[in-house]
Amino acid sequence: MSDVKRRIGLTMRIQQADGYHEPRDALAQCWADFLAVALPAAKWMYLPSLGAEAIADYCDAWGLNGLILTGGEDVGSSPLRDATERTLLDWAERDAKPVLGICRGLQLMTSLSGGHLQHVEGHVASRHPLSGRYTHEVNSYHGLGIKDCPRGYEILARAPDDTIEAIGHLELPWQGWMWHPERERISNAHDIEAIRRVFA
């Protein structure tokens, strides 16, 4: 499918606004800049944390056919977001829709497929090269890493300390990256090429 027909939903973190007693969905504005460069012909929209009962119908109503699970918050810290994103992965699996999980998104994909997370050192506000299928330098903003490759996936990249940095599904057009392509001041050409392959 050409990206001119691609309609992608982006999940959001849940935050509490100062001075208000109401949780709010939020997404970093740099995502808009990154997608404008990486997938200029694709349409995309924010996905609210609607929960397991409503999110699939919401995506179908808007005609979405791709998904990005964005970063922010550890898995387990926001039950509503966890439930929303678990259902979104089921929704995406139904018709083999492409999915890209970024940081927390990769962690959730791992947890739901039988993999385990562990605390890692030296991966917060740092940079490092990759080895494996991806070999470029990336940013790093996570305190949790992947202990073992989840069922149904293969390892695409590792960090110098041998922790897993990227995985790809063996059957579905799904990938998970531990780094944040949207946070680069100038979008990385390797990230652009890779995301275009995911959402081809």
C-alpha atoms as a PDB file:
ATOM      1  CA  MET A   1       0.000   0.000   0.000  1.00  0.00           C
ATOM      2  CA  SER A   2       1.339   3.430  -0.913  1.00  0.00           C
ATOM      3  CA  ASP A   3       1.662   5.906   1.939  1.00  0.00           C
ATOM      4  CA  VAL A   4      -0.693   8.214   0.017  1.00  0.00           C
ATOM      5  CA  LYS A   5      -3.438   5.837   1.192  1.00  0.00           C
ATOM      6  CA  ARG A   6      -1.985   5.270   4.649  1.00  0.00           C
ATOM      7  CA  ARG A   7      -4.030   6.560   7.606  1.00  0.00           C
ATOM      8  CA  ILE A   8      -2.105   6.162  10.853  1.00  0.00           C
ATOM      9  CA  GLY A   9      -3.285   6.521  14.439  1.00  0.00           C
ATOM     10  CA  LEU A  10      -0.821   7.671  17.126  1.00  0.00           C
ATOM     11  CA  THR A  11      -1.404   6.798  20.769  1.00  0.00           C
ATOM     12  CA  MET A  12      -0.788   9.353  23.512  1.00  0.00           C
ATOM     13  CA  ARG A  13       0.501   9.394  27.057  1.00  0.00           C
ATOM     14  CA  ILE A  14      -1.846  10.268  29.933  1.00  0.00           C
ATOM     15  CA  GLN A  15      -0.851  13.282  32.033  1.00  0.00           C
ATOM     16  CA  GLN A  16      -2.362  15.215  34.906  1.00  0.00           C
ATOM     17  CA  ALA A  17      -2.551  18.945  34.179  1.00  0.00           C
ATOM     18  CA  ASP A  18      -1.309  21.201  36.999  1.00  0.00           C
ATOM     19  CA  GLY A  19      -4.178  22.854  38.834  1.00  0.00           C
ATOM     20  CA  TYR A  20      -6.819  20.525  37.377  1.00  0.00           C
ATOM     21  CA  HIS A  21      -8.287  17.266  38.610  1.00  0.00           C
ATOM     22  CA  GLU A  22      -8.594  15.715  35.189  1.00  0.00           C
ATOM     23  CA  PRO A  23      -6.246  13.424  33.249  1.00  0.00           C
ATOM     24  CA  ARG A  24      -5.340  14.518  29.726  1.00  0.00           C
ATOM     25  CA  ASP A  25      -4.001  12.745  26.677  1.00  0.00           C
ATOM     26  CA  ALA A  26      -0.825  14.350  25.321  1.00  0.00           C
ATOM     27  CA  LEU A  27       1.661  13.896  22.502  1.00  0.00           C
ATOM     28  CA  ALA A  28       4.925  15.721  21.846  1.00  0.00           C
ATOM     29  CA  GLN A  29       4.609  18.228  18.995  1.00  0.00           C
ATOM     30  CA  CYS A  30       7.790  16.889  17.385  1.00  0.00           C
ATOM     31  CA  TRP A  31       5.776  13.943  16.082  1.00  0.00           C
ATOM     32  CA  ALA A  32       4.062  16.219  13.573  1.00  0.00           C
ATOM     33  CA  ASP A  33       7.407  17.485  12.289  1.00  0.00           C
ATOM     34  CA  PHE A  34       8.871  13.998  12.006  1.00  0.00           C
ATOM     35  CA  LEU A  35       5.884  12.526  10.160  1.00  0.00           C
ATOM     36  CA  ALA A  36       5.771  15.483   7.776  1.00  0.00           C
ATOM     37  CA  VAL A  37       9.294  14.530   6.697  1.00  0.00           C
ATOM     38  CA  ALA A  38       9.153  10.753   7.022  1.00  0.00           C
ATOM     39  CA  LEU A  39       5.658  10.049   5.631  1.00  0.00           C
ATOM     40  CA  PRO A  40       4.617  13.250   3.850  1.00  0.00           C
ATOM     41  CA  ALA A  41       1.731  11.723   1.905  1.00  0.00           C
ATOM     42  CA  ALA A  42       0.254   9.770   4.808  1.00  0.00           C
ATOM     43  CA  LYS A  43      -2.673  10.994   6.887  1.00  0.00           C
ATOM     44  CA  TRP A  44      -2.433  10.627  10.638  1.00  0.00           C
ATOM     45  CA  MET A  45      -4.377  11.489  13.772  1.00  0.00           C
ATOM     46  CA  TYR A  46      -4.087  11.326  17.545  1.00  0.00           C
ATOM     47  CA  LEU A  47      -5.812   8.434  19.305  1.00  0.00           C
ATOM     48  CA  PRO A  48      -7.415   9.213  22.676  1.00  0.00           C
ATOM     49  CA  SER A  49      -7.156   6.709  25.501  1.00  0.00           C
ATOM     50  CA  LEU A  50     -10.727   5.447  25.139  1.00  0.00           C
ATOM     51  CA  GLY A  51     -10.208   2.048  26.728  1.00  0.00           C
ATOM     52  CA  ALA A  52     -10.770  -1.468  25.461  1.00  0.00           C
ATOM     53  CA  GLU A  53     -14.475  -1.124  24.709  1.00  0.00           C
ATOM     54  CA  ALA A  54     -14.377   1.866  22.350  1.00  0.00           C
ATOM     55  CA  ILE A  55     -10.994   2.265  20.668  1.00  0.00           C
ATOM     56  CA  ALA A  56     -11.344  -0.316  17.862  1.00  0.00           C
ATOM     57  CA  ASP A  57     -14.677   1.112  16.680  1.00  0.00           C
ATOM     58  CA  TYR A  58     -13.156   4.586  16.826  1.00  0.00           C
ATOM     59  CA  CYS A  59     -10.290   3.534  14.548  1.00  0.00           C
ATOM     60  CA  ASP A  60     -12.638   1.798  12.127  1.00  0.00           C
ATOM     61  CA  ALA A  61     -14.919   4.847  11.999  1.00  0.00           C
ATOM     62  CA  TRP A  62     -11.964   7.004  10.924  1.00  0.00           C
ATOM     63  CA  GLY A  63     -10.725   4.463   8.406  1.00  0.00           C
ATOM     64  CA  LEU A  64      -7.321   4.004  10.021  1.00  0.00           C
ATOM     65  CA  ASN A  65      -5.020   1.316   8.642  1.00  0.00           C
ATOM     66  CA  GLY A  66      -1.777   1.791  10.570  1.00  0.00           C
ATOM     67  CA  LEU A  67      -0.665   2.372  14.144  1.00  0.00           C
ATOM     68  CA  ILE A  68       2.180   4.012  16.043  1.00  0.00           C
ATOM     69  CA  LEU A  69       2.431   3.242  19.757  1.00  0.00           C
ATOM     70  CA  THR A  70       4.324   6.272  21.046  1.00  0.00           C
ATOM     71  CA  GLY A  71       6.537   6.558  24.108  1.00  0.00           C
ATOM     72  CA  GLY A  72       6.065   7.935  27.618  1.00  0.00           C
ATOM     73  CA  GLU A  73       5.057   6.156  30.844  1.00  0.00           C
ATOM     74  CA  ASP A  74       6.175   2.699  31.842  1.00  0.00           C
ATOM     75  CA  VAL A  75       3.898  -0.202  31.002  1.00  0.00           C
ATOM     76  CA  GLY A  76       1.599  -0.709  33.983  1.00  0.00           C
ATOM     77  CA  SER A  77       1.596   2.904  35.159  1.00  0.00           C
ATOM     78  CA  SER A  78      -1.541   3.894  33.198  1.00  0.00           C
ATOM     79  CA  PRO A  79      -4.126   1.082  33.183  1.00  0.00           C
ATOM     80  CA  LEU A  80      -6.426   2.932  30.774  1.00  0.00           C
ATOM     81  CA  ARG A  81      -3.625   3.467  28.277  1.00  0.00           C
ATOM     82  CA  ASP A  82      -2.484  -0.135  28.660  1.00  0.00           C
ATOM     83  CA  ALA A  83      -6.018  -1.396  27.955  1.00  0.00           C
ATOM     84  CA  THR A  84      -6.395   0.938  24.975  1.00  0.00           C
ATOM     85  CA  GLU A  85      -3.112  -0.117  23.412  1.00  0.00           C
ATOM     86  CA  ARG A  86      -3.636  -3.839  24.059  1.00  0.00           C
ATOM     87  CA  THR A  87      -6.913  -3.597  22.160  1.00  0.00           C
ATOM     88  CA  LEU A  88      -5.236  -1.582  19.415  1.00  0.00           C
ATOM     89  CA  LEU A  89      -2.709  -4.362  18.867  1.00  0.00           C
ATOM     90  CA  ASP A  90      -5.544  -6.883  18.611  1.00  0.00           C
ATOM     91  CA  TRP A  91      -7.259  -4.528  16.138  1.00  0.00           C
ATOM     92  CA  ALA A  92      -4.085  -4.202  14.075  1.00  0.00           C
ATOM     93  CA  GLU A  93      -3.455  -7.944  14.072  1.00  0.00           C
ATOM     94  CA  ARG A  94      -6.933  -8.585  12.679  1.00  0.00           C
ATOM     95  CA  ASP A  95      -6.036  -7.397   9.171  1.00  0.00           C
ATOM     96  CA  ALA A  96      -2.234  -7.407   9.493  1.00  0.00           C
ATOM     97  CA  LYS A  97      -2.117  -3.620   9.776  1.00  0.00           C
ATOM     98  CA  PRO A  98       1.405  -2.182  10.151  1.00  0.00           C
ATOM     99  CA  VAL A  99       2.496  -1.154  13.634  1.00  0.00           C
ATOM    100  CA  LEU A 100       5.520   0.738  14.907  1.00  0.00           C
ATOM    101  CA  GLY A 101       6.113   0.682  18.660  1.00  0.00           C
ATOM    102  CA  ILE A 102       8.403   3.395  20.015  1.00  0.00           C
ATOM    103  CA  CYS A 103      10.090   2.882  23.405  1.00  0.00           C
ATOM    104  CA  ARG A 104       7.070   2.165  25.644  1.00  0.00           C
ATOM    105  CA  GLY A 105       5.324   0.812  22.541  1.00  0.00           C
ATOM    106  CA  LEU A 106       8.102  -1.727  22.082  1.00  0.00           C
ATOM    107  CA  GLN A 107       7.932  -2.564  25.785  1.00  0.00           C
ATOM    108  CA  LEU A 108       4.186  -3.218  25.550  1.00  0.00           C
ATOM    109  CA  MET A 109       4.595  -5.393  22.448  1.00  0.00           C
ATOM    110  CA  THR A 110       7.231  -7.356  24.337  1.00  0.00           C
ATOM    111  CA  SER A 111       5.117  -7.814  27.476  1.00  0.00           C
ATOM    112  CA  LEU A 112       2.074  -8.973  25.535  1.00  0.00           C
ATOM    113  CA  SER A 113       4.141 -11.570  23.663  1.00  0.00           C
ATOM    114  CA  GLY A 114       5.725 -13.232  26.662  1.00  0.00           C
ATOM    115  CA  GLY A 115       8.936 -11.223  26.834  1.00  0.00           C
ATOM    116  CA  HIS A 116      10.249  -9.663  30.044  1.00  0.00           C
ATOM    117  CA  LEU A 117      11.423  -6.160  30.898  1.00  0.00           C
ATOM    118  CA  GLN A 118      14.359  -5.263  33.115  1.00  0.00           C
ATOM    119  CA  HIS A 119      15.961  -2.096  34.443  1.00  0.00           C
ATOM    120  CA  VAL A 120      18.947  -0.918  32.415  1.00  0.00           C
ATOM    121  CA  GLU A 121      21.701   1.556  33.238  1.00  0.00           C
ATOM    122  CA  GLY A 122      23.109   4.285  31.021  1.00  0.00           C
ATOM    123  CA  HIS A 123      20.140   4.538  28.653  1.00  0.00           C
ATOM    124  CA  VAL A 124      18.567   7.777  29.895  1.00  0.00           C
ATOM    125  CA  ALA A 125      19.422  10.960  27.962  1.00  0.00           C
ATOM    126  CA  SER A 126      22.305   9.291  26.117  1.00  0.00           C
ATOM    127  CA  ARG A 127      23.299   8.238  22.597  1.00  0.00           C
ATOM    128  CA  HIS A 128      24.817   5.031  21.269  1.00  0.00           C
ATOM    129  CA  PRO A 129      25.310   3.090  18.031  1.00  0.00           C
ATOM    130  CA  LEU A 130      23.296   0.055  17.019  1.00  0.00           C
ATOM    131  CA  SER A 131      24.454  -3.309  15.734  1.00  0.00           C
ATOM    132  CA  GLY A 132      22.421  -5.770  13.697  1.00  0.00           C
ATOM    133  CA  ARG A 133      20.056  -4.890  10.864  1.00  0.00           C
ATOM    134  CA  TYR A 134      20.153  -1.262  12.014  1.00  0.00           C
ATOM    135  CA  THR A 135      23.611   0.197  12.595  1.00  0.00           C
ATOM    136  CA  HIS A 136      23.138   3.965  12.918  1.00  0.00           C
ATOM    137  CA  GLU A 137      23.508   6.064  16.083  1.00  0.00           C
ATOM    138  CA  VAL A 138      20.335   6.677  18.079  1.00  0.00           C
ATOM    139  CA  ASN A 139      19.122   8.584  21.116  1.00  0.00           C
ATOM    140  CA  SER A 140      18.156   6.780  24.310  1.00  0.00           C
ATOM    141  CA  TYR A 141      15.585   7.787  26.938  1.00  0.00           C
ATOM    142  CA  HIS A 142      14.527   4.605  28.703  1.00  0.00           C
ATOM    143  CA  GLY A 143      15.132   3.022  32.087  1.00  0.00           C
ATOM    144  CA  LEU A 144      13.478  -0.275  31.168  1.00  0.00           C
ATOM    145  CA  GLY A 145      14.918  -2.614  28.568  1.00  0.00           C
ATOM    146  CA  ILE A 146      13.993  -5.958  27.043  1.00  0.00           C
ATOM    147  CA  LYS A 147      15.439  -8.981  28.787  1.00  0.00           C
ATOM    148  CA  ASP A 148      14.663 -11.529  26.083  1.00  0.00           C
ATOM    149  CA  CYS A 149      13.178 -11.580  22.606  1.00  0.00           C
ATOM    150  CA  PRO A 150       9.396 -12.046  22.787  1.00  0.00           C
ATOM    151  CA  ARG A 151       7.649 -14.940  21.057  1.00  0.00           C
ATOM    152  CA  GLY A 152       6.977 -14.403  17.381  1.00  0.00           C
ATOM    153  CA  TYR A 153       9.651 -11.715  16.941  1.00  0.00           C
ATOM    154  CA  GLU A 154      13.262 -11.491  15.873  1.00  0.00           C
ATOM    155  CA  ILE A 155      15.939  -9.121  17.149  1.00  0.00           C
ATOM    156  CA  LEU A 156      16.755  -6.363  14.655  1.00  0.00           C
ATOM    157  CA  ALA A 157      19.256  -4.314  16.666  1.00  0.00           C
ATOM    158  CA  ARG A 158      21.211  -4.254  19.907  1.00  0.00           C
ATOM    159  CA  ALA A 159      22.990  -1.547  21.896  1.00  0.00           C
ATOM    160  CA  PRO A 160      26.725  -1.815  22.742  1.00  0.00           C
ATOM    161  CA  ASP A 161      25.804  -3.333  26.139  1.00  0.00           C
ATOM    162  CA  ASP A 162      23.968  -6.096  24.211  1.00  0.00           C
ATOM    163  CA  THR A 163      20.486  -4.957  25.298  1.00  0.00           C
ATOM    164  CA  ILE A 164      17.783  -5.294  22.652  1.00  0.00           C
ATOM    165  CA  GLU A 165      16.997  -2.059  20.818  1.00  0.00           C
ATOM    166  CA  ALA A 166      14.679  -3.198  18.012  1.00  0.00           C
ATOM    167  CA  ILE A 167      12.509  -6.180  17.169  1.00  0.00           C
ATOM    168  CA  GLY A 168      10.470  -7.221  14.155  1.00  0.00           C
ATOM    169  CA  HIS A 169       7.491  -9.549  14.005  1.00  0.00           C
ATOM    170  CA  LEU A 170       8.092 -12.751  12.076  1.00  0.00           C
ATOM    171  CA  GLU A 171       4.708 -12.677  10.316  1.00  0.00           C
ATOM    172  CA  LEU A 172       3.117  -9.242  10.753  1.00  0.00           C
ATOM    173  CA  PRO A 173       4.387  -5.864   9.459  1.00  0.00           C
ATOM    174  CA  TRP A 174       5.250  -4.809  13.013  1.00  0.00           C
ATOM    175  CA  GLN A 175       8.454  -3.366  14.426  1.00  0.00           C
ATOM    176  CA  GLY A 176       9.465  -1.941  17.789  1.00  0.00           C
ATOM    177  CA  TRP A 177      12.276   0.574  18.340  1.00  0.00           C
ATOM    178  CA  MET A 178      13.638   1.619  21.704  1.00  0.00           C
ATOM    179  CA  TRP A 179      14.876   4.984  20.423  1.00  0.00           C
ATOM    180  CA  HIS A 180      12.808   8.095  19.563  1.00  0.00           C
ATOM    181  CA  PRO A 181      13.106   9.077  15.888  1.00  0.00           C
ATOM    182  CA  GLU A 182      10.781  12.031  16.458  1.00  0.00           C
ATOM    183  CA  ARG A 183      13.172  13.653  18.954  1.00  0.00           C
ATOM    184  CA  GLU A 184      16.084  14.113  16.562  1.00  0.00           C
ATOM    185  CA  ARG A 185      16.733  17.773  15.729  1.00  0.00           C
ATOM    186  CA  ILE A 186      17.240  16.719  12.118  1.00  0.00           C
ATOM    187  CA  SER A 187      15.364  13.561  11.146  1.00  0.00           C
ATOM    188  CA  ASN A 188      17.728  10.641  10.622  1.00  0.00           C
ATOM    189  CA  ALA A 189      17.746   9.273   7.076  1.00  0.00           C
ATOM    190  CA  HIS A 190      17.988   5.686   8.384  1.00  0.00           C
ATOM    191  CA  ASP A 191      14.882   6.173  10.551  1.00  0.00           C
ATOM    192  CA  ILE A 192      12.994   7.670   7.619  1.00  0.00           C
ATOM    193  CA  GLU A 193      13.892   4.762   5.363  1.00  0.00           C
ATOM    194  CA  ALA A 194      12.917   2.251   8.059  1.00  0.00           C
ATOM    195  CA  ILE A 195       9.551   3.807   8.903  1.00  0.00           C
ATOM    196  CA  ARG A 196       8.684   3.954   5.226  1.00  0.00           C
ATOM    197  CA  ARG A 197       9.310   0.223   4.977  1.00  0.00           C
ATOM    198  CA  VAL A 198       7.012  -0.431   7.944  1.00  0.00           C
ATOM    199  CA  PHE A 199       4.185   1.604   6.445  1.00  0.00           C
ATOM    200  CA  ALA A 200       4.763   0.724   2.791  1.00  0.00           C
END
